[in-house]
């Protein structure tokens, strides 16, 4: 049905992190396979963020991860993070609007 990757991370430099994310989108252009991306801040835990990325499939997510632009910008984003991110790889079972 679909695939969602959630990346949980902490940063005190969210503005810089967002700029790098925008640069990645421009650099990856039509090669990226991410369908949608939502960046959320934990209201109860300042500095904690979740990047929720939607894909058509797990295979599309792995294709996206292997793009040279993704590799480059991932390193830049992690340099702005406070510690290592946690990745959640989720197969969509049901999607109701």
PDB file of N, CA and C in Angstrom:
ATOM      1  N   UNK A   1       0.829  -1.196   0.000  1.00  0.00           N
ATOM      2  CA  UNK A   1       0.000   0.000   0.000  1.00  0.00           C
ATOM      3  C   UNK A   1       0.865   1.248   0.000  1.00  0.00           C
ATOM      4  N   UNK A   2       1.854   1.327   0.847  1.00  0.00           N
ATOM      5  CA  UNK A   2       2.724   2.491   0.934  1.00  0.00           C
ATOM      6  C   UNK A   2       3.748   2.281   2.024  1.00  0.00           C
ATOM      7  N   UNK A   3       4.594   3.265   2.188  1.00  0.00           N
ATOM      8  CA  UNK A   3       5.677   3.180   3.153  1.00  0.00           C
ATOM      9  C   UNK A   3       5.904   4.567   3.737  1.00  0.00           C
ATOM     10  N   UNK A   4       6.137   4.627   5.043  1.00  0.00           N
ATOM     11  CA  UNK A   4       6.400   5.885   5.728  1.00  0.00           C
ATOM     12  C   UNK A   4       7.691   5.724   6.521  1.00  0.00           C
ATOM     13  N   UNK A   5       8.551   6.717   6.408  1.00  0.00           N
ATOM     14  CA  UNK A   5       9.757   6.735   7.228  1.00  0.00           C
ATOM     15  C   UNK A   5       9.657   7.940   8.157  1.00  0.00           C
ATOM     16  N   UNK A   6       9.835   7.683   9.441  1.00  0.00           N
ATOM     17  CA  UNK A   6       9.842   8.750  10.434  1.00  0.00           C
ATOM     18  C   UNK A   6      11.260   8.858  10.969  1.00  0.00           C
ATOM     19  N   UNK A   7      11.800  10.063  10.920  1.00  0.00           N
ATOM     20  CA  UNK A   7      13.144  10.317  11.427  1.00  0.00           C
ATOM     21  C   UNK A   7      12.993  11.226  12.637  1.00  0.00           C
ATOM     22  N   UNK A   8      13.324  10.700  13.799  1.00  0.00           N
ATOM     23  CA  UNK A   8      13.247  11.458  15.048  1.00  0.00           C
ATOM     24  C   UNK A   8      14.642  12.006  15.341  1.00  0.00           C
ATOM     25  N   UNK A   9      14.714  13.304  15.630  1.00  0.00           N
ATOM     26  CA  UNK A   9      16.014  13.898  15.914  1.00  0.00           C
ATOM     27  C   UNK A   9      15.860  15.089  16.835  1.00  0.00           C
ATOM     28  N   UNK A  10      16.974  15.508  17.399  1.00  0.00           N
ATOM     29  CA  UNK A  10      17.015  16.703  18.243  1.00  0.00           C
ATOM     30  C   UNK A  10      17.968  17.694  17.598  1.00  0.00           C
ATOM     31  N   UNK A  11      17.624  18.978  17.693  1.00  0.00           N
ATOM     32  CA  UNK A  11      18.515  20.027  17.201  1.00  0.00           C
ATOM     33  C   UNK A  11      18.165  21.350  17.853  1.00  0.00           C
ATOM     34  N   UNK A  12      19.175  22.169  18.004  1.00  0.00           N
ATOM     35  CA  UNK A  12      18.965  23.550  18.447  1.00  0.00           C
ATOM     36  C   UNK A  12      19.106  24.486  17.251  1.00  0.00           C
ATOM     37  N   UNK A  13      19.234  23.894  16.050  1.00  0.00           N
ATOM     38  CA  UNK A  13      19.458  24.668  14.825  1.00  0.00           C
ATOM     39  C   UNK A  13      18.405  24.319  13.767  1.00  0.00           C
ATOM     40  N   UNK A  14      17.133  24.368  14.153  1.00  0.00           N
ATOM     41  CA  UNK A  14      16.073  23.924  13.238  1.00  0.00           C
ATOM     42  C   UNK A  14      15.988  24.796  11.986  1.00  0.00           C
ATOM     43  N   UNK A  15      16.239  26.097  12.092  1.00  0.00           N
ATOM     44  CA  UNK A  15      16.179  26.957  10.907  1.00  0.00           C
ATOM     45  C   UNK A  15      17.214  26.530   9.873  1.00  0.00           C
ATOM     46  N   UNK A  16      18.421  26.229  10.333  1.00  0.00           N
ATOM     47  CA  UNK A  16      19.472  25.759   9.428  1.00  0.00           C
ATOM     48  C   UNK A  16      19.113  24.391   8.855  1.00  0.00           C
ATOM     49  N   UNK A  17      18.531  23.540   9.683  1.00  0.00           N
ATOM     50  CA  UNK A  17      18.128  22.207   9.247  1.00  0.00           C
ATOM     51  C   UNK A  17      17.068  22.305   8.146  1.00  0.00           C
ATOM     52  N   UNK A  18      16.120  23.202   8.309  1.00  0.00           N
ATOM     53  CA  UNK A  18      15.080  23.389   7.291  1.00  0.00           C
ATOM     54  C   UNK A  18      15.680  23.880   5.973  1.00  0.00           C
ATOM     55  N   UNK A  19      16.644  24.768   6.040  1.00  0.00           N
ATOM     56  CA  UNK A  19      17.301  25.266   4.825  1.00  0.00           C
ATOM     57  C   UNK A  19      18.000  24.141   4.083  1.00  0.00           C
ATOM     58  N   UNK A  20      18.680  23.282   4.820  1.00  0.00           N
ATOM     59  CA  UNK A  20      19.352  22.141   4.194  1.00  0.00           C
ATOM     60  C   UNK A  20      18.311  21.203   3.556  1.00  0.00           C
ATOM     61  N   UNK A  21      17.189  21.001   4.229  1.00  0.00           N
ATOM     62  CA  UNK A  21      16.110  20.184   3.661  1.00  0.00           C
ATOM     63  C   UNK A  21      15.583  20.767   2.363  1.00  0.00           C
ATOM     64  N   UNK A  22      15.412  22.067   2.318  1.00  0.00           N
ATOM     65  CA  UNK A  22      14.957  22.733   1.092  1.00  0.00           C
ATOM     66  C   UNK A  22      15.999  22.603  -0.016  1.00  0.00           C
ATOM     67  N   UNK A  23      17.280  22.697   0.351  1.00  0.00           N
ATOM     68  CA  UNK A  23      18.357  22.543  -0.637  1.00  0.00           C
ATOM     69  C   UNK A  23      18.365  21.117  -1.192  1.00  0.00           C
ATOM     70  N   UNK A  24      18.102  20.132  -0.328  1.00  0.00           N
ATOM     71  CA  UNK A  24      18.035  18.747  -0.788  1.00  0.00           C
ATOM     72  C   UNK A  24      16.921  18.592  -1.814  1.00  0.00           C
ATOM     73  N   UNK A  25      15.735  19.143  -1.507  1.00  0.00           N
ATOM     74  CA  UNK A  25      14.610  19.020  -2.440  1.00  0.00           C
ATOM     75  C   UNK A  25      14.964  19.602  -3.803  1.00  0.00           C
ATOM     76  N   UNK A  26      15.634  20.742  -3.816  1.00  0.00           N
ATOM     77  CA  UNK A  26      16.039  21.366  -5.082  1.00  0.00           C
ATOM     78  C   UNK A  26      17.086  20.519  -5.797  1.00  0.00           C
ATOM     79  N   UNK A  27      18.057  19.993  -5.047  1.00  0.00           N
ATOM     80  CA  UNK A  27      19.137  19.213  -5.656  1.00  0.00           C
ATOM     81  C   UNK A  27      18.640  17.867  -6.178  1.00  0.00           C
ATOM     82  N   UNK A  28      17.755  17.218  -5.448  1.00  0.00           N
ATOM     83  CA  UNK A  28      17.242  15.907  -5.862  1.00  0.00           C
ATOM     84  C   UNK A  28      16.266  16.045  -7.015  1.00  0.00           C
ATOM     85  N   UNK A  29      15.533  17.163  -7.044  1.00  0.00           N
ATOM     86  CA  UNK A  29      14.621  17.443  -8.146  1.00  0.00           C
ATOM     87  C   UNK A  29      13.696  16.291  -8.468  1.00  0.00           C
ATOM     88  N   UNK A  30      13.610  15.977  -9.758  1.00  0.00           N
ATOM     89  CA  UNK A  30      12.714  14.926 -10.226  1.00  0.00           C
ATOM     90  C   UNK A  30      13.174  13.525  -9.898  1.00  0.00           C
ATOM     91  N   UNK A  31      14.389  13.375  -9.392  1.00  0.00           N
ATOM     92  CA  UNK A  31      14.898  12.045  -9.042  1.00  0.00           C
ATOM     93  C   UNK A  31      14.361  11.546  -7.707  1.00  0.00           C
ATOM     94  N   UNK A  32      13.925  12.462  -6.858  1.00  0.00           N
ATOM     95  CA  UNK A  32      13.471  12.043  -5.528  1.00  0.00           C
ATOM     96  C   UNK A  32      12.163  11.258  -5.650  1.00  0.00           C
ATOM     97  N   UNK A  33      12.010  10.294  -4.785  1.00  0.00           N
ATOM     98  CA  UNK A  33      10.815   9.453  -4.820  1.00  0.00           C
ATOM     99  C   UNK A  33       9.887   9.723  -3.642  1.00  0.00           C
ATOM    100  N   UNK A  34      10.267  10.640  -2.767  1.00  0.00           N
ATOM    101  CA  UNK A  34       9.401  11.010  -1.642  1.00  0.00           C
ATOM    102  C   UNK A  34       8.170  11.718  -2.203  1.00  0.00           C
ATOM    103  N   UNK A  35       7.002  11.270  -1.768  1.00  0.00           N
ATOM    104  CA  UNK A  35       5.739  11.845  -2.225  1.00  0.00           C
ATOM    105  C   UNK A  35       5.325  13.059  -1.392  1.00  0.00           C
ATOM    106  N   UNK A  36       5.688  13.012  -0.119  1.00  0.00           N
ATOM    107  CA  UNK A  36       5.263  14.066   0.807  1.00  0.00           C
ATOM    108  C   UNK A  36       6.211  14.049   1.987  1.00  0.00           C
ATOM    109  N   UNK A  37       6.415  15.223   2.571  1.00  0.00           N
ATOM    110  CA  UNK A  37       7.286  15.326   3.748  1.00  0.00           C
ATOM    111  C   UNK A  37       6.634  16.287   4.738  1.00  0.00           C
ATOM    112  N   UNK A  38       6.571  15.876   6.000  1.00  0.00           N
ATOM    113  CA  UNK A  38       5.989  16.699   7.058  1.00  0.00           C
ATOM    114  C   UNK A  38       7.016  16.796   8.181  1.00  0.00           C
ATOM    115  N   UNK A  39       7.382  18.011   8.567  1.00  0.00           N
ATOM    116  CA  UNK A  39       8.304  18.236   9.677  1.00  0.00           C
ATOM    117  C   UNK A  39       7.479  18.689  10.883  1.00  0.00           C
ATOM    118  N   UNK A  40       7.650  18.001  12.006  1.00  0.00           N
ATOM    119  CA  UNK A  40       6.875  18.306  13.209  1.00  0.00           C
ATOM    120  C   UNK A  40       7.806  18.540  14.391  1.00  0.00           C
ATOM    121  N   UNK A  41       7.396  19.450  15.269  1.00  0.00           N
ATOM    122  CA  UNK A  41       8.118  19.672  16.526  1.00  0.00           C
ATOM    123  C   UNK A  41       7.273  19.138  17.672  1.00  0.00           C
ATOM    124  N   UNK A  42       7.915  18.479  18.592  1.00  0.00           N
ATOM    125  CA  UNK A  42       7.242  17.955  19.774  1.00  0.00           C
ATOM    126  C   UNK A  42       6.877  19.126  20.686  1.00  0.00           C
ATOM    127  N   UNK A  43       5.620  19.376  20.832  1.00  0.00           N
ATOM    128  CA  UNK A  43       5.131  20.496  21.636  1.00  0.00           C
ATOM    129  C   UNK A  43       5.534  20.377  23.103  1.00  0.00           C
ATOM    130  N   UNK A  44       5.666  19.143  23.587  1.00  0.00           N
ATOM    131  CA  UNK A  44       5.967  18.909  24.998  1.00  0.00           C
ATOM    132  C   UNK A  44       7.451  18.694  25.283  1.00  0.00           C
ATOM    133  N   UNK A  45       8.281  18.733  24.231  1.00  0.00           N
ATOM    134  CA  UNK A  45       9.699  18.443  24.410  1.00  0.00           C
ATOM    135  C   UNK A  45      10.483  19.299  23.406  1.00  0.00           C
ATOM    136  N   UNK A  46      10.751  20.541  23.779  1.00  0.00           N
ATOM    137  CA  UNK A  46      11.411  21.492  22.876  1.00  0.00           C
ATOM    138  C   UNK A  46      12.720  20.941  22.336  1.00  0.00           C
ATOM    139  N   UNK A  47      12.950  21.159  21.046  1.00  0.00           N
ATOM    140  CA  UNK A  47      14.179  20.704  20.408  1.00  0.00           C
ATOM    141  C   UNK A  47      14.096  19.295  19.847  1.00  0.00           C
ATOM    142  N   UNK A  48      12.951  18.637  20.015  1.00  0.00           N
ATOM    143  CA  UNK A  48      12.728  17.280  19.493  1.00  0.00           C
ATOM    144  C   UNK A  48      11.816  17.383  18.273  1.00  0.00           C
ATOM    145  N   UNK A  49      12.257  16.768  17.169  1.00  0.00           N
ATOM    146  CA  UNK A  49      11.546  16.892  15.897  1.00  0.00           C
ATOM    147  C   UNK A  49      11.331  15.529  15.258  1.00  0.00           C
ATOM    148  N   UNK A  50      10.334  15.488  14.391  1.00  0.00           N
ATOM    149  CA  UNK A  50      10.032  14.300  13.612  1.00  0.00           C
ATOM    150  C   UNK A  50       9.861  14.718  12.158  1.00  0.00           C
ATOM    151  N   UNK A  51      10.633  14.104  11.278  1.00  0.00           N
ATOM    152  CA  UNK A  51      10.477  14.312   9.844  1.00  0.00           C
ATOM    153  C   UNK A  51       9.750  13.072   9.331  1.00  0.00           C
ATOM    154  N   UNK A  52       8.539  13.265   8.832  1.00  0.00           N
ATOM    155  CA  UNK A  52       7.701  12.153   8.379  1.00  0.00           C
ATOM    156  C   UNK A  52       7.660  12.208   6.858  1.00  0.00           C
ATOM    157  N   UNK A  53       8.159  11.130   6.221  1.00  0.00           N
ATOM    158  CA  UNK A  53       8.300  11.119   4.766  1.00  0.00           C
ATOM    159  C   UNK A  53       7.488   9.955   4.206  1.00  0.00           C
ATOM    160  N   UNK A  54       6.671  10.258   3.207  1.00  0.00           N
ATOM    161  CA  UNK A  54       5.767   9.282   2.602  1.00  0.00           C
ATOM    162  C   UNK A  54       6.295   8.834   1.242  1.00  0.00           C
ATOM    163  N   UNK A  55       6.231   7.523   1.000  1.00  0.00           N
ATOM    164  CA  UNK A  55       6.676   6.929  -0.259  1.00  0.00           C
ATOM    165  C   UNK A  55       5.615   5.960  -0.764  1.00  0.00           C
ATOM    166  N   UNK A  56       5.698   5.626  -2.055  1.00  0.00           N
ATOM    167  CA  UNK A  56       4.798   4.630  -2.625  1.00  0.00           C
ATOM    168  C   UNK A  56       5.121   3.225  -2.126  1.00  0.00           C
ATOM    169  N   UNK A  57       6.403   2.985  -1.807  1.00  0.00           N
ATOM    170  CA  UNK A  57       6.824   1.648  -1.389  1.00  0.00           C
ATOM    171  C   UNK A  57       8.156   1.734  -0.648  1.00  0.00           C
ATOM    172  N   UNK A  58       8.502   0.640  -0.003  1.00  0.00           N
ATOM    173  CA  UNK A  58       9.813   0.536   0.650  1.00  0.00           C
ATOM    174  C   UNK A  58      10.916   0.690  -0.388  1.00  0.00           C
ATOM    175  N   UNK A  59      10.732   0.062  -1.552  1.00  0.00           N
ATOM    176  CA  UNK A  59      11.730   0.123  -2.613  1.00  0.00           C
ATOM    177  C   UNK A  59      11.946   1.561  -3.070  1.00  0.00           C
ATOM    178  N   UNK A  60      10.875   2.340  -3.171  1.00  0.00           N
ATOM    179  CA  UNK A  60      10.998   3.754  -3.552  1.00  0.00           C
ATOM    180  C   UNK A  60      11.773   4.530  -2.485  1.00  0.00           C
ATOM    181  N   UNK A  61      11.562   4.193  -1.227  1.00  0.00           N
ATOM    182  CA  UNK A  61      12.294   4.857  -0.139  1.00  0.00           C
ATOM    183  C   UNK A  61      13.782   4.550  -0.226  1.00  0.00           C
ATOM    184  N   UNK A  62      14.124   3.294  -0.513  1.00  0.00           N
ATOM    185  CA  UNK A  62      15.534   2.913  -0.612  1.00  0.00           C
ATOM    186  C   UNK A  62      16.184   3.563  -1.835  1.00  0.00           C
ATOM    187  N   UNK A  63      15.438   3.680  -2.917  1.00  0.00           N
ATOM    188  CA  UNK A  63      15.937   4.381  -4.106  1.00  0.00           C
ATOM    189  C   UNK A  63      16.241   5.836  -3.757  1.00  0.00           C
ATOM    190  N   UNK A  64      15.347   6.458  -3.008  1.00  0.00           N
ATOM    191  CA  UNK A  64      15.524   7.836  -2.580  1.00  0.00           C
ATOM    192  C   UNK A  64      16.748   7.979  -1.669  1.00  0.00           C
ATOM    193  N   UNK A  65      16.907   7.030  -0.746  1.00  0.00           N
ATOM    194  CA  UNK A  65      18.045   7.061   0.180  1.00  0.00           C
ATOM    195  C   UNK A  65      19.379   6.947  -0.539  1.00  0.00           C
ATOM    196  N   UNK A  66      19.387   6.242  -1.666  1.00  0.00           N
ATOM    197  CA  UNK A  66      20.623   6.019  -2.403  1.00  0.00           C
ATOM    198  C   UNK A  66      20.970   7.125  -3.397  1.00  0.00           C
ATOM    199  N   UNK A  67      20.123   8.128  -3.523  1.00  0.00           N
ATOM    200  CA  UNK A  67      20.444   9.250  -4.413  1.00  0.00           C
ATOM    201  C   UNK A  67      21.680   9.985  -3.894  1.00  0.00           C
ATOM    202  N   UNK A  68      22.598  10.388  -4.778  1.00  0.00           N
ATOM    203  CA  UNK A  68      23.768  11.154  -4.334  1.00  0.00           C
ATOM    204  C   UNK A  68      23.369  12.406  -3.537  1.00  0.00           C
ATOM    205  N   UNK A  69      22.317  13.093  -3.959  1.00  0.00           N
ATOM    206  CA  UNK A  69      21.880  14.300  -3.236  1.00  0.00           C
ATOM    207  C   UNK A  69      21.431  13.947  -1.823  1.00  0.00           C
ATOM    208  N   UNK A  70      20.750  12.819  -1.668  1.00  0.00           N
ATOM    209  CA  UNK A  70      20.301  12.406  -0.338  1.00  0.00           C
ATOM    210  C   UNK A  70      21.489  12.096   0.550  1.00  0.00           C
ATOM    211  N   UNK A  71      22.457  11.394   0.012  1.00  0.00           N
ATOM    212  CA  UNK A  71      23.657  11.055   0.781  1.00  0.00           C
ATOM    213  C   UNK A  71      24.380  12.324   1.250  1.00  0.00           C
ATOM    214  N   UNK A  72      24.550  13.272   0.339  1.00  0.00           N
ATOM    215  CA  UNK A  72      25.262  14.522   0.646  1.00  0.00           C
ATOM    216  C   UNK A  72      24.534  15.341   1.706  1.00  0.00           C
ATOM    217  N   UNK A  73      23.246  15.554   1.495  1.00  0.00           N
ATOM    218  CA  UNK A  73      22.501  16.432   2.396  1.00  0.00           C
ATOM    219  C   UNK A  73      22.197  15.757   3.730  1.00  0.00           C
ATOM    220  N   UNK A  74      22.129  14.440   3.754  1.00  0.00           N
ATOM    221  CA  UNK A  74      21.941  13.728   5.009  1.00  0.00           C
ATOM    222  C   UNK A  74      23.105  14.004   5.953  1.00  0.00           C
ATOM    223  N   UNK A  75      24.313  14.011   5.409  1.00  0.00           N
ATOM    224  CA  UNK A  75      25.495  14.307   6.225  1.00  0.00           C
ATOM    225  C   UNK A  75      25.439  15.729   6.763  1.00  0.00           C
ATOM    226  N   UNK A  76      25.003  16.666   5.927  1.00  0.00           N
ATOM    227  CA  UNK A  76      24.900  18.063   6.371  1.00  0.00           C
ATOM    228  C   UNK A  76      23.862  18.209   7.471  1.00  0.00           C
ATOM    229  N   UNK A  77      22.737  17.527   7.318  1.00  0.00           N
ATOM    230  CA  UNK A  77      21.684  17.629   8.317  1.00  0.00           C
ATOM    231  C   UNK A  77      22.109  17.006   9.642  1.00  0.00           C
ATOM    232  N   UNK A  78      22.803  15.883   9.571  1.00  0.00           N
ATOM    233  CA  UNK A  78      23.219  15.223  10.802  1.00  0.00           C
ATOM    234  C   UNK A  78      24.272  16.036  11.546  1.00  0.00           C
ATOM    235  N   UNK A  79      25.034  16.846  10.826  1.00  0.00           N
ATOM    236  CA  UNK A  79      26.001  17.730  11.473  1.00  0.00           C
ATOM    237  C   UNK A  79      25.293  18.807  12.298  1.00  0.00           C
ATOM    238  N   UNK A  80      24.037  19.093  11.947  1.00  0.00           N
ATOM    239  CA  UNK A  80      23.252  20.094  12.669  1.00  0.00           C
ATOM    240  C   UNK A  80      22.434  19.487  13.811  1.00  0.00           C
ATOM    241  N   UNK A  81      22.395  18.168  13.864  1.00  0.00           N
ATOM    242  CA  UNK A  81      21.603  17.487  14.889  1.00  0.00           C
ATOM    243  C   UNK A  81      22.386  17.378  16.189  1.00  0.00           C
ATOM    244  N   UNK A  82      21.646  17.288  17.261  1.00  0.00           N
ATOM    245  CA  UNK A  82      22.225  17.061  18.586  1.00  0.00           C
ATOM    246  C   UNK A  82      22.101  15.565  18.874  1.00  0.00           C
ATOM    247  N   UNK A  83      23.094  14.800  18.457  1.00  0.00           N
ATOM    248  CA  UNK A  83      23.057  13.350  18.636  1.00  0.00           C
ATOM    249  C   UNK A  83      22.576  12.633  17.392  1.00  0.00           C
ATOM    250  N   UNK A  84      22.501  11.322  17.492  1.00  0.00           N
ATOM    251  CA  UNK A  84      22.101  10.473  16.377  1.00  0.00           C
ATOM    252  C   UNK A  84      20.577  10.465  16.222  1.00  0.00           C
ATOM    253  N   UNK A  85      20.095  10.416  14.971  1.00  0.00           N
ATOM    254  CA  UNK A  85      18.653  10.307  14.755  1.00  0.00           C
ATOM    255  C   UNK A  85      18.183   8.871  14.983  1.00  0.00           C
ATOM    256  N   UNK A  86      16.895   8.722  15.158  1.00  0.00           N
ATOM    257  CA  UNK A  86      16.268   7.407  15.215  1.00  0.00           C
ATOM    258  C   UNK A  86      15.344   7.295  14.012  1.00  0.00           C
ATOM    259  N   UNK A  87      15.471   6.189  13.270  1.00  0.00           N
ATOM    260  CA  UNK A  87      14.663   5.961  12.079  1.00  0.00           C
ATOM    261  C   UNK A  87      13.599   4.916  12.384  1.00  0.00           C
ATOM    262  N   UNK A  88      12.372   5.192  11.950  1.00  0.00           N
ATOM    263  CA  UNK A  88      11.266   4.251  12.037  1.00  0.00           C
ATOM    264  C   UNK A  88      10.821   3.975  10.607  1.00  0.00           C
ATOM    265  N   UNK A  89      10.868   2.717  10.190  1.00  0.00           N
ATOM    266  CA  UNK A  89      10.494   2.306   8.843  1.00  0.00           C
ATOM    267  C   UNK A  89       9.175   1.551   8.912  1.00  0.00           C
ATOM    268  N   UNK A  90       8.126   2.154   8.365  1.00  0.00           N
ATOM    269  CA  UNK A  90       6.777   1.664   8.589  1.00  0.00           C
ATOM    270  C   UNK A  90       6.055   1.317   7.287  1.00  0.00           C
ATOM    271  N   UNK A  91       5.566   0.094   7.189  1.00  0.00           N
ATOM    272  CA  UNK A  91       4.697  -0.288   6.078  1.00  0.00           C
ATOM    273  C   UNK A  91       3.293   0.191   6.410  1.00  0.00           C
ATOM    274  N   UNK A  92       2.658   0.856   5.474  1.00  0.00           N
ATOM    275  CA  UNK A  92       1.295   1.335   5.677  1.00  0.00           C
ATOM    276  C   UNK A  92       0.340   0.149   5.524  1.00  0.00           C
ATOM    277  N   UNK A  93      -0.490  -0.060   6.521  1.00  0.00           N
ATOM    278  CA  UNK A  93      -1.468  -1.140   6.498  1.00  0.00           C
ATOM    279  C   UNK A  93      -2.843  -0.591   6.153  1.00  0.00           C
ATOM    280  N   UNK A  94      -3.131   0.600   6.654  1.00  0.00           N
ATOM    281  CA  UNK A  94      -4.432   1.210   6.380  1.00  0.00           C
ATOM    282  C   UNK A  94      -4.234   2.713   6.322  1.00  0.00           C
ATOM    283  N   UNK A  95      -4.912   3.363   5.378  1.00  0.00           N
ATOM    284  CA  UNK A  95      -4.815   4.822   5.200  1.00  0.00           C
ATOM    285  C   UNK A  95      -6.223   5.328   4.931  1.00  0.00           C
ATOM    286  N   UNK A  96      -6.820   5.967   5.921  1.00  0.00           N
ATOM    287  CA  UNK A  96      -8.197   6.443   5.814  1.00  0.00           C
ATOM    288  C   UNK A  96      -8.193   7.961   5.922  1.00  0.00           C
ATOM    289  N   UNK A  97      -8.843   8.623   4.986  1.00  0.00           N
ATOM    290  CA  UNK A  97      -8.956  10.090   5.040  1.00  0.00           C
ATOM    291  C   UNK A  97     -10.315  10.501   5.530  1.00  0.00           C
TER     292      UNK A  97
END
